[in-house]
Amino acid sequence: MTEVLLRDVTLRDGLQLTGKPLPTEQKVALVRSLLAAGVPELEIGSLARGDLVPPLADTLDVVAALTPDELERCWVWVATPRHVQKAVAAGARNVQYCFSVSDAHNNANIGRDTAVSLDAMPEAVGYAREAGGRIQLCLATSFTCPFDGPVDPGRVLEIVADPRTAGSCDVVVCDTLGQAVPSEVGSLVRAVSDLDDRRVAFHGHDTWGQGVANALAAVAAGATLLDGALGGLGGCPFAPGASGNTASEDLLFALRPSWLTPDVLAGLVESSEDLLAELGEPNRSRAAQGVRSRAGAFPWTARPRC
């Protein structure tokens, strides 16, 4: 059975709503800490305009500071072919080409209709392939749009099946607002999985408390990659009502991948606590609370920090 992988997105989706930028050297240190802990994949930044998303303005500097081996496990968010060119020129190996299923959110997020983003995808795929890298098809607002409401699942499937998306290695189904429920997630992920042999990823938010349940429904339906952020950090600056991502700690505790031990989880919780304290952000992870509990007979608890 294929082991489900976690992609930690703290350094992109996690940071993009924070009011306090994290220095580049701290981002690089966090990348290395997470990789050393065993986290399989990371999302380390975005090519979104720095004036619109200031916490991510140094993404290319982060990319340039990492080694080729480290970058093999890292992803950069892009929205245009030009973004792909810039990312691979800096050394990125993997890019996540993202646009929204709903026109209203795509215009709010990246300033164009969905059809324009779809038309540009073959060029983006070409640039990624020329560099010997990988490119994902990432579909924001796969379930609901903050402006137009519910999204037709058929529209998601049309985009996935569109020949212009060929060449992407993965399909990322996104519950951008965290409004989906497990039955909806399972149904859509299963339908996407049945279309072709691309890896299916699920990107969820915990706005309505369904983050882990939705992620497990996605796994049961065929997803083999899940996105999460330390402490449930994050949200979309262009999606009113979107709160933090599903916490990486919660996903890991539920999945129990082979590399995760109580000590590793405790180390991730400690890294999360330090980061959130510096940013002045709350810790939304329930697993982190459990790790710090006084249930001493349970092997996943750890001594509270002084």
C-alpha atoms as a PDB file:
ATOM      1  CA  MET A   1       0.000   0.000   0.000  1.00  0.00           C
ATOM      2  CA  THR A   2       1.317   3.442  -0.948  1.00  0.00           C
ATOM      3  CA  GLU A   3       2.188   5.535   2.095  1.00  0.00           C
ATOM      4  CA  VAL A   4       0.377   8.841   2.212  1.00  0.00           C
ATOM      5  CA  LEU A   5       2.808  11.753   2.178  1.00  0.00           C
ATOM      6  CA  LEU A   6       2.574  15.052   4.006  1.00  0.00           C
ATOM      7  CA  ARG A   7       3.585  18.271   2.290  1.00  0.00           C
ATOM      8  CA  ASP A   8       4.097  20.988   4.868  1.00  0.00           C
ATOM      9  CA  VAL A   9       3.015  24.362   3.439  1.00  0.00           C
ATOM     10  CA  THR A  10       3.925  26.553   6.411  1.00  0.00           C
ATOM     11  CA  LEU A  11       6.393  28.632   4.399  1.00  0.00           C
ATOM     12  CA  ARG A  12       3.859  29.524   1.703  1.00  0.00           C
ATOM     13  CA  ASP A  13       0.210  29.202   2.617  1.00  0.00           C
ATOM     14  CA  GLY A  14       1.071  29.349   6.302  1.00  0.00           C
ATOM     15  CA  LEU A  15       2.927  32.657   6.178  1.00  0.00           C
ATOM     16  CA  GLN A  16       0.967  34.583   3.576  1.00  0.00           C
ATOM     17  CA  LEU A  17      -1.520  36.113   6.033  1.00  0.00           C
ATOM     18  CA  THR A  18       0.936  36.883   8.821  1.00  0.00           C
ATOM     19  CA  GLY A  19       1.637  40.495   9.658  1.00  0.00           C
ATOM     20  CA  LYS A  20       5.262  39.915  10.575  1.00  0.00           C
ATOM     21  CA  PRO A  21       7.672  38.769   7.825  1.00  0.00           C
ATOM     22  CA  LEU A  22      10.015  35.934   8.717  1.00  0.00           C
ATOM     23  CA  PRO A  23      13.688  36.595   7.831  1.00  0.00           C
ATOM     24  CA  THR A  24      15.033  34.597   4.911  1.00  0.00           C
ATOM     25  CA  GLU A  25      17.650  32.832   6.999  1.00  0.00           C
ATOM     26  CA  GLN A  26      14.967  31.624   9.414  1.00  0.00           C
ATOM     27  CA  LYS A  27      12.905  30.284   6.528  1.00  0.00           C
ATOM     28  CA  VAL A  28      15.918  28.365   5.224  1.00  0.00           C
ATOM     29  CA  ALA A  29      16.616  27.006   8.715  1.00  0.00           C
ATOM     30  CA  LEU A  30      12.983  25.856   9.030  1.00  0.00           C
ATOM     31  CA  VAL A  31      13.153  24.127   5.646  1.00  0.00           C
ATOM     32  CA  ARG A  32      16.213  22.199   6.762  1.00  0.00           C
ATOM     33  CA  SER A  33      14.716  21.368  10.139  1.00  0.00           C
ATOM     34  CA  LEU A  34      11.546  19.964   8.590  1.00  0.00           C
ATOM     35  CA  LEU A  35      13.424  17.964   5.979  1.00  0.00           C
ATOM     36  CA  ALA A  36      15.768  16.571   8.632  1.00  0.00           C
ATOM     37  CA  ALA A  37      12.751  15.545  10.731  1.00  0.00           C
ATOM     38  CA  GLY A  38      11.527  13.435   7.818  1.00  0.00           C
ATOM     39  CA  VAL A  39       8.759  15.582   6.337  1.00  0.00           C
ATOM     40  CA  PRO A  40       8.654  14.246   2.758  1.00  0.00           C
ATOM     41  CA  GLU A  41       7.747  17.424   0.839  1.00  0.00           C
ATOM     42  CA  LEU A  42       7.535  21.156   1.528  1.00  0.00           C
ATOM     43  CA  GLU A  43       6.006  24.209  -0.106  1.00  0.00           C
ATOM     44  CA  ILE A  44       8.560  26.955   0.460  1.00  0.00           C
ATOM     45  CA  GLY A  45       7.112  30.088  -1.109  1.00  0.00           C
ATOM     46  CA  SER A  46       5.216  31.831  -3.844  1.00  0.00           C
ATOM     47  CA  LEU A  47       5.888  34.002  -6.864  1.00  0.00           C
ATOM     48  CA  ALA A  48       2.861  36.147  -6.036  1.00  0.00           C
ATOM     49  CA  ARG A  49       3.609  39.880  -6.162  1.00  0.00           C
ATOM     50  CA  GLY A  50       5.659  40.927  -3.171  1.00  0.00           C
ATOM     51  CA  ASP A  51       3.676  44.137  -2.708  1.00  0.00           C
ATOM     52  CA  LEU A  52       0.463  42.118  -2.405  1.00  0.00           C
ATOM     53  CA  VAL A  53       1.857  39.265  -0.280  1.00  0.00           C
ATOM     54  CA  PRO A  54       4.869  40.791   1.557  1.00  0.00           C
ATOM     55  CA  PRO A  55       5.691  37.750   3.753  1.00  0.00           C
ATOM     56  CA  LEU A  56       6.587  35.810   0.578  1.00  0.00           C
ATOM     57  CA  ALA A  57       8.551  38.504  -1.251  1.00  0.00           C
ATOM     58  CA  ASP A  58      11.885  36.728  -0.625  1.00  0.00           C
ATOM     59  CA  THR A  59      10.870  33.351  -2.078  1.00  0.00           C
ATOM     60  CA  LEU A  60      13.551  33.379  -4.775  1.00  0.00           C
ATOM     61  CA  ASP A  61      16.161  34.141  -2.111  1.00  0.00           C
ATOM     62  CA  VAL A  62      15.001  31.098  -0.163  1.00  0.00           C
ATOM     63  CA  VAL A  63      15.241  28.955  -3.294  1.00  0.00           C
ATOM     64  CA  ALA A  64      18.726  30.232  -4.063  1.00  0.00           C
ATOM     65  CA  ALA A  65      19.926  29.388  -0.541  1.00  0.00           C
ATOM     66  CA  LEU A  66      18.934  25.711  -0.770  1.00  0.00           C
ATOM     67  CA  THR A  67      20.903  22.852  -2.305  1.00  0.00           C
ATOM     68  CA  PRO A  68      19.693  20.901  -5.361  1.00  0.00           C
ATOM     69  CA  ASP A  69      19.024  17.869  -3.148  1.00  0.00           C
ATOM     70  CA  GLU A  70      16.908  19.953  -0.798  1.00  0.00           C
ATOM     71  CA  LEU A  71      15.020  21.528  -3.681  1.00  0.00           C
ATOM     72  CA  GLU A  72      14.047  18.087  -4.997  1.00  0.00           C
ATOM     73  CA  ARG A  73      11.630  17.877  -2.058  1.00  0.00           C
ATOM     74  CA  CYS A  74      10.388  21.482  -2.253  1.00  0.00           C
ATOM     75  CA  TRP A  75       7.598  23.190  -4.224  1.00  0.00           C
ATOM     76  CA  VAL A  76       7.053  26.810  -5.246  1.00  0.00           C
ATOM     77  CA  TRP A  77       3.591  28.266  -5.940  1.00  0.00           C
ATOM     78  CA  VAL A  78       3.250  29.882  -9.390  1.00  0.00           C
ATOM     79  CA  ALA A  79       0.374  31.322 -11.378  1.00  0.00           C
ATOM     80  CA  THR A  80       1.867  32.205 -14.785  1.00  0.00           C
ATOM     81  CA  PRO A  81       4.432  30.837 -17.235  1.00  0.00           C
ATOM     82  CA  ARG A  82       6.691  33.771 -16.355  1.00  0.00           C
ATOM     83  CA  HIS A  83       6.583  32.661 -12.727  1.00  0.00           C
ATOM     84  CA  VAL A  84       7.777  29.225 -13.808  1.00  0.00           C
ATOM     85  CA  GLN A  85      10.690  30.773 -15.720  1.00  0.00           C
ATOM     86  CA  LYS A  86      11.761  32.812 -12.709  1.00  0.00           C
ATOM     87  CA  ALA A  87      11.418  29.920 -10.279  1.00  0.00           C
ATOM     88  CA  VAL A  88      13.459  27.441 -12.311  1.00  0.00           C
ATOM     89  CA  ALA A  89      16.080  30.093 -13.090  1.00  0.00           C
ATOM     90  CA  ALA A  90      16.608  30.474  -9.344  1.00  0.00           C
ATOM     91  CA  GLY A  91      17.007  26.713  -8.974  1.00  0.00           C
ATOM     92  CA  ALA A  92      13.511  25.439  -8.170  1.00  0.00           C
ATOM     93  CA  ARG A  93      12.793  21.915  -9.372  1.00  0.00           C
ATOM     94  CA  ASN A  94       9.079  21.660  -8.622  1.00  0.00           C
ATOM     95  CA  VAL A  95       6.331  24.218  -9.227  1.00  0.00           C
ATOM     96  CA  GLN A  96       2.652  24.241  -8.327  1.00  0.00           C
ATOM     97  CA  TYR A  97       0.700  25.963 -11.112  1.00  0.00           C
ATOM     98  CA  CYS A  98      -2.390  27.220  -9.357  1.00  0.00           C
ATOM     99  CA  PHE A  99      -5.624  28.786 -10.502  1.00  0.00           C
ATOM    100  CA  SER A 100      -9.196  28.803  -9.233  1.00  0.00           C
ATOM    101  CA  VAL A 101     -12.101  26.811 -10.576  1.00  0.00           C
ATOM    102  CA  SER A 102     -14.318  29.873 -10.057  1.00  0.00           C
ATOM    103  CA  ASP A 103     -13.697  32.962 -12.183  1.00  0.00           C
ATOM    104  CA  ALA A 104     -14.545  35.335  -9.337  1.00  0.00           C
ATOM    105  CA  HIS A 105     -11.818  33.975  -7.061  1.00  0.00           C
ATOM    106  CA  ASN A 106      -9.301  33.637  -9.884  1.00  0.00           C
ATOM    107  CA  ASN A 107      -9.785  37.305 -10.687  1.00  0.00           C
ATOM    108  CA  ALA A 108      -9.433  38.278  -7.025  1.00  0.00           C
ATOM    109  CA  ASN A 109      -6.403  36.053  -6.512  1.00  0.00           C
ATOM    110  CA  ILE A 110      -4.394  36.396  -9.721  1.00  0.00           C
ATOM    111  CA  GLY A 111      -6.244  38.968 -11.802  1.00  0.00           C
ATOM    112  CA  ARG A 112      -7.600  36.916 -14.693  1.00  0.00           C
ATOM    113  CA  ASP A 113     -10.427  34.587 -15.674  1.00  0.00           C
ATOM    114  CA  THR A 114      -9.967  30.868 -15.167  1.00  0.00           C
ATOM    115  CA  ALA A 115      -9.942  30.334 -18.948  1.00  0.00           C
ATOM    116  CA  VAL A 116      -6.899  32.600 -19.310  1.00  0.00           C
ATOM    117  CA  SER A 117      -4.978  30.618 -16.685  1.00  0.00           C
ATOM    118  CA  LEU A 118      -5.961  27.370 -18.368  1.00  0.00           C
ATOM    119  CA  ASP A 119      -4.881  28.647 -21.791  1.00  0.00           C
ATOM    120  CA  ALA A 120      -1.444  29.515 -20.381  1.00  0.00           C
ATOM    121  CA  MET A 121      -0.813  26.162 -18.730  1.00  0.00           C
ATOM    122  CA  PRO A 122       0.818  24.378 -21.705  1.00  0.00           C
ATOM    123  CA  GLU A 123       3.459  27.126 -21.837  1.00  0.00           C
ATOM    124  CA  ALA A 124       4.051  26.752 -18.103  1.00  0.00           C
ATOM    125  CA  VAL A 125       4.386  22.974 -18.493  1.00  0.00           C
ATOM    126  CA  GLY A 126       6.897  23.520 -21.269  1.00  0.00           C
ATOM    127  CA  TYR A 127       9.138  25.726 -19.150  1.00  0.00           C
ATOM    128  CA  ALA A 128       9.054  23.240 -16.264  1.00  0.00           C
ATOM    129  CA  ARG A 129       9.914  20.328 -18.551  1.00  0.00           C
ATOM    130  CA  GLU A 130      12.754  22.209 -20.233  1.00  0.00           C
ATOM    131  CA  ALA A 131      14.305  22.625 -16.785  1.00  0.00           C
ATOM    132  CA  GLY A 132      13.836  18.939 -15.987  1.00  0.00           C
ATOM    133  CA  GLY A 133      11.382  19.764 -13.221  1.00  0.00           C
ATOM    134  CA  ARG A 134       7.860  18.790 -12.188  1.00  0.00           C
ATOM    135  CA  ILE A 135       4.671  20.821 -12.367  1.00  0.00           C
ATOM    136  CA  GLN A 136       1.390  20.295 -10.553  1.00  0.00           C
ATOM    137  CA  LEU A 137      -2.110  21.320 -11.536  1.00  0.00           C
ATOM    138  CA  CYS A 138      -3.498  23.019  -8.409  1.00  0.00           C
ATOM    139  CA  LEU A 139      -7.214  23.840  -8.387  1.00  0.00           C
ATOM    140  CA  ALA A 140      -8.241  26.388  -5.770  1.00  0.00           C
ATOM    141  CA  THR A 141     -11.929  26.734  -4.813  1.00  0.00           C
ATOM    142  CA  SER A 142     -12.676  23.169  -5.872  1.00  0.00           C
ATOM    143  CA  PHE A 143     -15.674  23.066  -3.525  1.00  0.00           C
ATOM    144  CA  THR A 144     -16.833  26.594  -2.737  1.00  0.00           C
ATOM    145  CA  CYS A 145     -16.003  30.141  -3.801  1.00  0.00           C
ATOM    146  CA  PRO A 146     -16.150  33.068  -1.342  1.00  0.00           C
ATOM    147  CA  PHE A 147     -17.908  35.188  -3.964  1.00  0.00           C
ATOM    148  CA  ASP A 148     -20.048  32.757  -5.980  1.00  0.00           C
ATOM    149  CA  GLY A 149     -20.823  30.031  -3.447  1.00  0.00           C
ATOM    150  CA  PRO A 150     -20.857  26.282  -4.242  1.00  0.00           C
ATOM    151  CA  VAL A 151     -18.709  25.100  -7.152  1.00  0.00           C
ATOM    152  CA  ASP A 152     -20.004  22.486  -9.602  1.00  0.00           C
ATOM    153  CA  PRO A 153     -17.856  19.321  -9.252  1.00  0.00           C
ATOM    154  CA  GLY A 154     -18.333  18.768 -12.970  1.00  0.00           C
ATOM    155  CA  ARG A 155     -16.346  21.922 -13.665  1.00  0.00           C
ATOM    156  CA  VAL A 156     -13.432  20.557 -11.635  1.00  0.00           C
ATOM    157  CA  LEU A 157     -13.496  17.327 -13.641  1.00  0.00           C
ATOM    158  CA  GLU A 158     -13.663  19.228 -16.939  1.00  0.00           C
ATOM    159  CA  ILE A 159     -10.475  21.098 -16.060  1.00  0.00           C
ATOM    160  CA  VAL A 160      -8.666  17.949 -14.923  1.00  0.00           C
ATOM    161  CA  ALA A 161      -9.610  16.203 -18.174  1.00  0.00           C
ATOM    162  CA  ASP A 162      -8.728  19.205 -20.350  1.00  0.00           C
ATOM    163  CA  PRO A 163      -5.769  18.439 -22.667  1.00  0.00           C
ATOM    164  CA  ARG A 164      -4.184  21.749 -21.697  1.00  0.00           C
ATOM    165  CA  THR A 165      -3.460  20.339 -18.235  1.00  0.00           C
ATOM    166  CA  ALA A 166      -1.583  17.357 -19.663  1.00  0.00           C
ATOM    167  CA  GLY A 167       2.016  17.193 -18.525  1.00  0.00           C
ATOM    168  CA  SER A 168       1.264  17.946 -14.897  1.00  0.00           C
ATOM    169  CA  CYS A 169       2.408  15.196 -12.560  1.00  0.00           C
ATOM    170  CA  ASP A 170      -0.229  15.755  -9.872  1.00  0.00           C
ATOM    171  CA  VAL A 171      -3.687  17.203  -9.385  1.00  0.00           C
ATOM    172  CA  VAL A 172      -4.147  19.195  -6.165  1.00  0.00           C
ATOM    173  CA  VAL A 173      -7.789  19.469  -5.101  1.00  0.00           C
ATOM    174  CA  CYS A 174      -8.206  22.450  -2.764  1.00  0.00           C
ATOM    175  CA  ASP A 175     -10.843  23.158  -0.154  1.00  0.00           C
ATOM    176  CA  THR A 176      -9.702  26.773  -0.063  1.00  0.00           C
ATOM    177  CA  LEU A 177     -12.324  27.940   2.420  1.00  0.00           C
ATOM    178  CA  GLY A 178     -12.522  24.847   4.607  1.00  0.00           C
ATOM    179  CA  GLN A 179     -16.272  24.607   3.977  1.00  0.00           C
ATOM    180  CA  ALA A 180     -16.383  21.110   2.487  1.00  0.00           C
ATOM    181  CA  VAL A 181     -17.467  18.030   4.446  1.00  0.00           C
ATOM    182  CA  PRO A 182     -15.983  14.523   4.182  1.00  0.00           C
ATOM    183  CA  SER A 183     -18.689  13.142   1.865  1.00  0.00           C
ATOM    184  CA  GLU A 184     -18.054  15.963  -0.632  1.00  0.00           C
ATOM    185  CA  VAL A 185     -14.291  15.577  -0.420  1.00  0.00           C
ATOM    186  CA  GLY A 186     -14.424  11.824  -0.859  1.00  0.00           C
ATOM    187  CA  SER A 187     -16.758  12.059  -3.841  1.00  0.00           C
ATOM    188  CA  LEU A 188     -14.696  14.641  -5.728  1.00  0.00           C
ATOM    189  CA  VAL A 189     -11.298  13.102  -4.962  1.00  0.00           C
ATOM    190  CA  ARG A 190     -12.560   9.687  -6.094  1.00  0.00           C
ATOM    191  CA  ALA A 191     -13.859  11.167  -9.333  1.00  0.00           C
ATOM    192  CA  VAL A 192     -10.535  12.925  -9.985  1.00  0.00           C
ATOM    193  CA  SER A 193      -8.584   9.760  -9.150  1.00  0.00           C
ATOM    194  CA  ASP A 194     -10.647   7.782 -11.637  1.00  0.00           C
ATOM    195  CA  LEU A 195      -9.841  10.118 -14.535  1.00  0.00           C
ATOM    196  CA  ASP A 196      -6.164   9.220 -15.012  1.00  0.00           C
ATOM    197  CA  ASP A 197      -3.038   8.025 -13.216  1.00  0.00           C
ATOM    198  CA  ARG A 198      -1.757  11.362 -11.915  1.00  0.00           C
ATOM    199  CA  ARG A 199      -1.092  11.556  -8.189  1.00  0.00           C
ATOM    200  CA  VAL A 200      -3.946  13.280  -6.381  1.00  0.00           C
ATOM    201  CA  ALA A 201      -3.252  15.662  -3.509  1.00  0.00           C
ATOM    202  CA  PHE A 202      -5.702  17.265  -1.109  1.00  0.00           C
ATOM    203  CA  HIS A 203      -5.206  20.757   0.293  1.00  0.00           C
ATOM    204  CA  GLY A 204      -7.602  21.514   3.122  1.00  0.00           C
ATOM    205  CA  HIS A 205      -8.362  24.216   5.656  1.00  0.00           C
ATOM    206  CA  ASP A 206      -9.849  23.692   9.100  1.00  0.00           C
ATOM    207  CA  THR A 207     -12.224  26.659   9.118  1.00  0.00           C
ATOM    208  CA  TRP A 208     -15.257  24.572  10.071  1.00  0.00           C
ATOM    209  CA  GLY A 209     -13.365  21.940  12.057  1.00  0.00           C
ATOM    210  CA  GLN A 210     -13.402  19.345   9.297  1.00  0.00           C
ATOM    211  CA  GLY A 211      -9.721  19.471   8.316  1.00  0.00           C
ATOM    212  CA  VAL A 212      -8.540  16.051   9.501  1.00  0.00           C
ATOM    213  CA  ALA A 213     -11.848  14.334   8.672  1.00  0.00           C
ATOM    214  CA  ASN A 214     -11.718  15.755   5.143  1.00  0.00           C
ATOM    215  CA  ALA A 215      -8.098  14.706   4.734  1.00  0.00           C
ATOM    216  CA  LEU A 216      -8.852  11.130   5.783  1.00  0.00           C
ATOM    217  CA  ALA A 217     -11.836  11.065   3.413  1.00  0.00           C
ATOM    218  CA  ALA A 218      -9.518  12.205   0.628  1.00  0.00           C
ATOM    219  CA  VAL A 219      -7.054   9.423   1.455  1.00  0.00           C
ATOM    220  CA  ALA A 220      -9.824   6.810   1.449  1.00  0.00           C
ATOM    221  CA  ALA A 221     -10.830   8.096  -1.997  1.00  0.00           C
ATOM    222  CA  GLY A 222      -7.334   7.854  -3.478  1.00  0.00           C
ATOM    223  CA  ALA A 223      -5.321  10.931  -2.458  1.00  0.00           C
ATOM    224  CA  THR A 224      -1.706  10.120  -1.571  1.00  0.00           C
ATOM    225  CA  LEU A 225      -0.445  13.623  -0.714  1.00  0.00           C
ATOM    226  CA  LEU A 226      -1.909  15.920   1.948  1.00  0.00           C
ATOM    227  CA  ASP A 227      -1.068  19.551   2.653  1.00  0.00           C
ATOM    228  CA  GLY A 228      -0.782  20.915   6.186  1.00  0.00           C
ATOM    229  CA  ALA A 229       0.863  23.766   8.077  1.00  0.00           C
ATOM    230  CA  LEU A 230       2.496  23.862  11.489  1.00  0.00           C
ATOM    231  CA  GLY A 231       0.028  24.866  14.173  1.00  0.00           C
ATOM    232  CA  GLY A 232      -2.748  25.328  11.607  1.00  0.00           C
ATOM    233  CA  LEU A 233      -1.133  28.544  10.404  1.00  0.00           C
ATOM    234  CA  GLY A 234      -2.357  30.199   7.238  1.00  0.00           C
ATOM    235  CA  GLY A 235      -5.232  31.271   5.041  1.00  0.00           C
ATOM    236  CA  CYS A 236      -5.771  33.052   1.742  1.00  0.00           C
ATOM    237  CA  PRO A 237      -5.564  36.867   1.660  1.00  0.00           C
ATOM    238  CA  PHE A 238      -7.919  36.918  -1.332  1.00  0.00           C
ATOM    239  CA  ALA A 239     -10.573  34.551   0.066  1.00  0.00           C
ATOM    240  CA  PRO A 240     -12.757  36.125   2.763  1.00  0.00           C
ATOM    241  CA  GLY A 241     -13.655  33.519   5.364  1.00  0.00           C
ATOM    242  CA  ALA A 242     -10.629  31.276   4.853  1.00  0.00           C
ATOM    243  CA  SER A 243      -8.807  30.455   8.063  1.00  0.00           C
ATOM    244  CA  GLY A 244      -5.720  28.383   8.764  1.00  0.00           C
ATOM    245  CA  ASN A 245      -4.622  25.216   7.044  1.00  0.00           C
ATOM    246  CA  THR A 246      -5.209  21.846   8.625  1.00  0.00           C
ATOM    247  CA  ALA A 247      -2.369  21.461  11.129  1.00  0.00           C
ATOM    248  CA  SER A 248       0.538  19.290  10.015  1.00  0.00           C
ATOM    249  CA  GLU A 249       0.799  17.889  13.546  1.00  0.00           C
ATOM    250  CA  ASP A 250      -2.851  16.778  13.461  1.00  0.00           C
ATOM    251  CA  LEU A 251      -2.473  15.120  10.053  1.00  0.00           C
ATOM    252  CA  LEU A 252       0.686  13.318  11.109  1.00  0.00           C
ATOM    253  CA  PHE A 253      -0.819  12.049  14.355  1.00  0.00           C
ATOM    254  CA  ALA A 254      -3.797  10.686  12.397  1.00  0.00           C
ATOM    255  CA  LEU A 255      -1.717   9.119   9.604  1.00  0.00           C
ATOM    256  CA  ARG A 256       1.233   7.791  11.662  1.00  0.00           C
ATOM    257  CA  PRO A 257       3.673   7.541   8.712  1.00  0.00           C
ATOM    258  CA  SER A 258       6.578   5.140   9.139  1.00  0.00           C
ATOM    259  CA  TRP A 259       9.098   7.928   9.848  1.00  0.00           C
ATOM    260  CA  LEU A 260       7.037   9.530  12.619  1.00  0.00           C
ATOM    261  CA  THR A 261       7.978   8.740  16.209  1.00  0.00           C
ATOM    262  CA  PRO A 262       6.817  10.405  19.428  1.00  0.00           C
ATOM    263  CA  ASP A 263      10.145  12.218  19.638  1.00  0.00           C
ATOM    264  CA  VAL A 264       9.870  13.473  16.057  1.00  0.00           C
ATOM    265  CA  LEU A 265       6.327  14.710  16.649  1.00  0.00           C
ATOM    266  CA  ALA A 266       7.428  16.437  19.844  1.00  0.00           C
ATOM    267  CA  GLY A 267      10.240  18.133  17.913  1.00  0.00           C
ATOM    268  CA  LEU A 268       7.800  19.374  15.281  1.00  0.00           C
ATOM    269  CA  VAL A 269       5.516  20.722  17.986  1.00  0.00           C
ATOM    270  CA  GLU A 270       8.450  22.559  19.531  1.00  0.00           C
ATOM    271  CA  SER A 271       9.408  24.077  16.157  1.00  0.00           C
ATOM    272  CA  SER A 272       5.804  25.110  15.646  1.00  0.00           C
ATOM    273  CA  GLU A 273       5.569  26.710  19.090  1.00  0.00           C
ATOM    274  CA  ASP A 274       8.734  28.731  18.499  1.00  0.00           C
ATOM    275  CA  LEU A 275       7.558  29.914  15.069  1.00  0.00           C
ATOM    276  CA  LEU A 276       4.062  30.864  16.206  1.00  0.00           C
ATOM    277  CA  ALA A 277       5.387  32.699  19.247  1.00  0.00           C
ATOM    278  CA  GLU A 278       7.685  34.778  17.058  1.00  0.00           C
ATOM    279  CA  LEU A 279       4.867  35.578  14.629  1.00  0.00           C
ATOM    280  CA  GLY A 280       2.346  36.288  17.388  1.00  0.00           C
ATOM    281  CA  GLU A 281      -0.044  33.687  15.983  1.00  0.00           C
ATOM    282  CA  PRO A 282      -2.215  31.189  17.904  1.00  0.00           C
ATOM    283  CA  ASN A 283      -1.530  27.460  17.847  1.00  0.00           C
ATOM    284  CA  ARG A 284      -4.621  25.745  16.419  1.00  0.00           C
ATOM    285  CA  SER A 285      -3.224  22.202  16.465  1.00  0.00           C
ATOM    286  CA  ARG A 286      -5.128  19.819  18.706  1.00  0.00           C
ATOM    287  CA  ALA A 287      -2.360  17.233  18.460  1.00  0.00           C
ATOM    288  CA  ALA A 288       0.102  19.827  19.764  1.00  0.00           C
ATOM    289  CA  GLN A 289      -2.149  20.280  22.786  1.00  0.00           C
ATOM    290  CA  GLY A 290      -2.146  16.529  23.241  1.00  0.00           C
ATOM    291  CA  VAL A 291       1.636  16.330  23.068  1.00  0.00           C
ATOM    292  CA  ARG A 292       1.805  18.900  25.874  1.00  0.00           C
ATOM    293  CA  SER A 293      -0.837  17.177  28.003  1.00  0.00           C
ATOM    294  CA  ARG A 294      -0.041  15.381  31.254  1.00  0.00           C
ATOM    295  CA  ALA A 295      -1.262  11.971  30.105  1.00  0.00           C
ATOM    296  CA  GLY A 296       2.096  10.474  30.981  1.00  0.00           C
ATOM    297  CA  ALA A 297       1.183   6.850  30.252  1.00  0.00           C
ATOM    298  CA  PHE A 298       0.516   7.691  26.589  1.00  0.00           C
ATOM    299  CA  PRO A 299       3.735   7.424  24.540  1.00  0.00           C
ATOM    300  CA  TRP A 300       2.898  10.403  22.288  1.00  0.00           C
ATOM    301  CA  THR A 301       2.915  12.939  25.107  1.00  0.00           C
ATOM    302  CA  ALA A 302       6.012  14.962  25.888  1.00  0.00           C
ATOM    303  CA  ARG A 303       7.091  16.871  28.959  1.00  0.00           C
ATOM    304  CA  PRO A 304       5.703  20.451  28.902  1.00  0.00           C
ATOM    305  CA  ARG A 305       8.302  23.097  28.182  1.00  0.00           C
ATOM    306  CA  CYS A 306       9.446  25.251  31.085  1.00  0.00           C
END
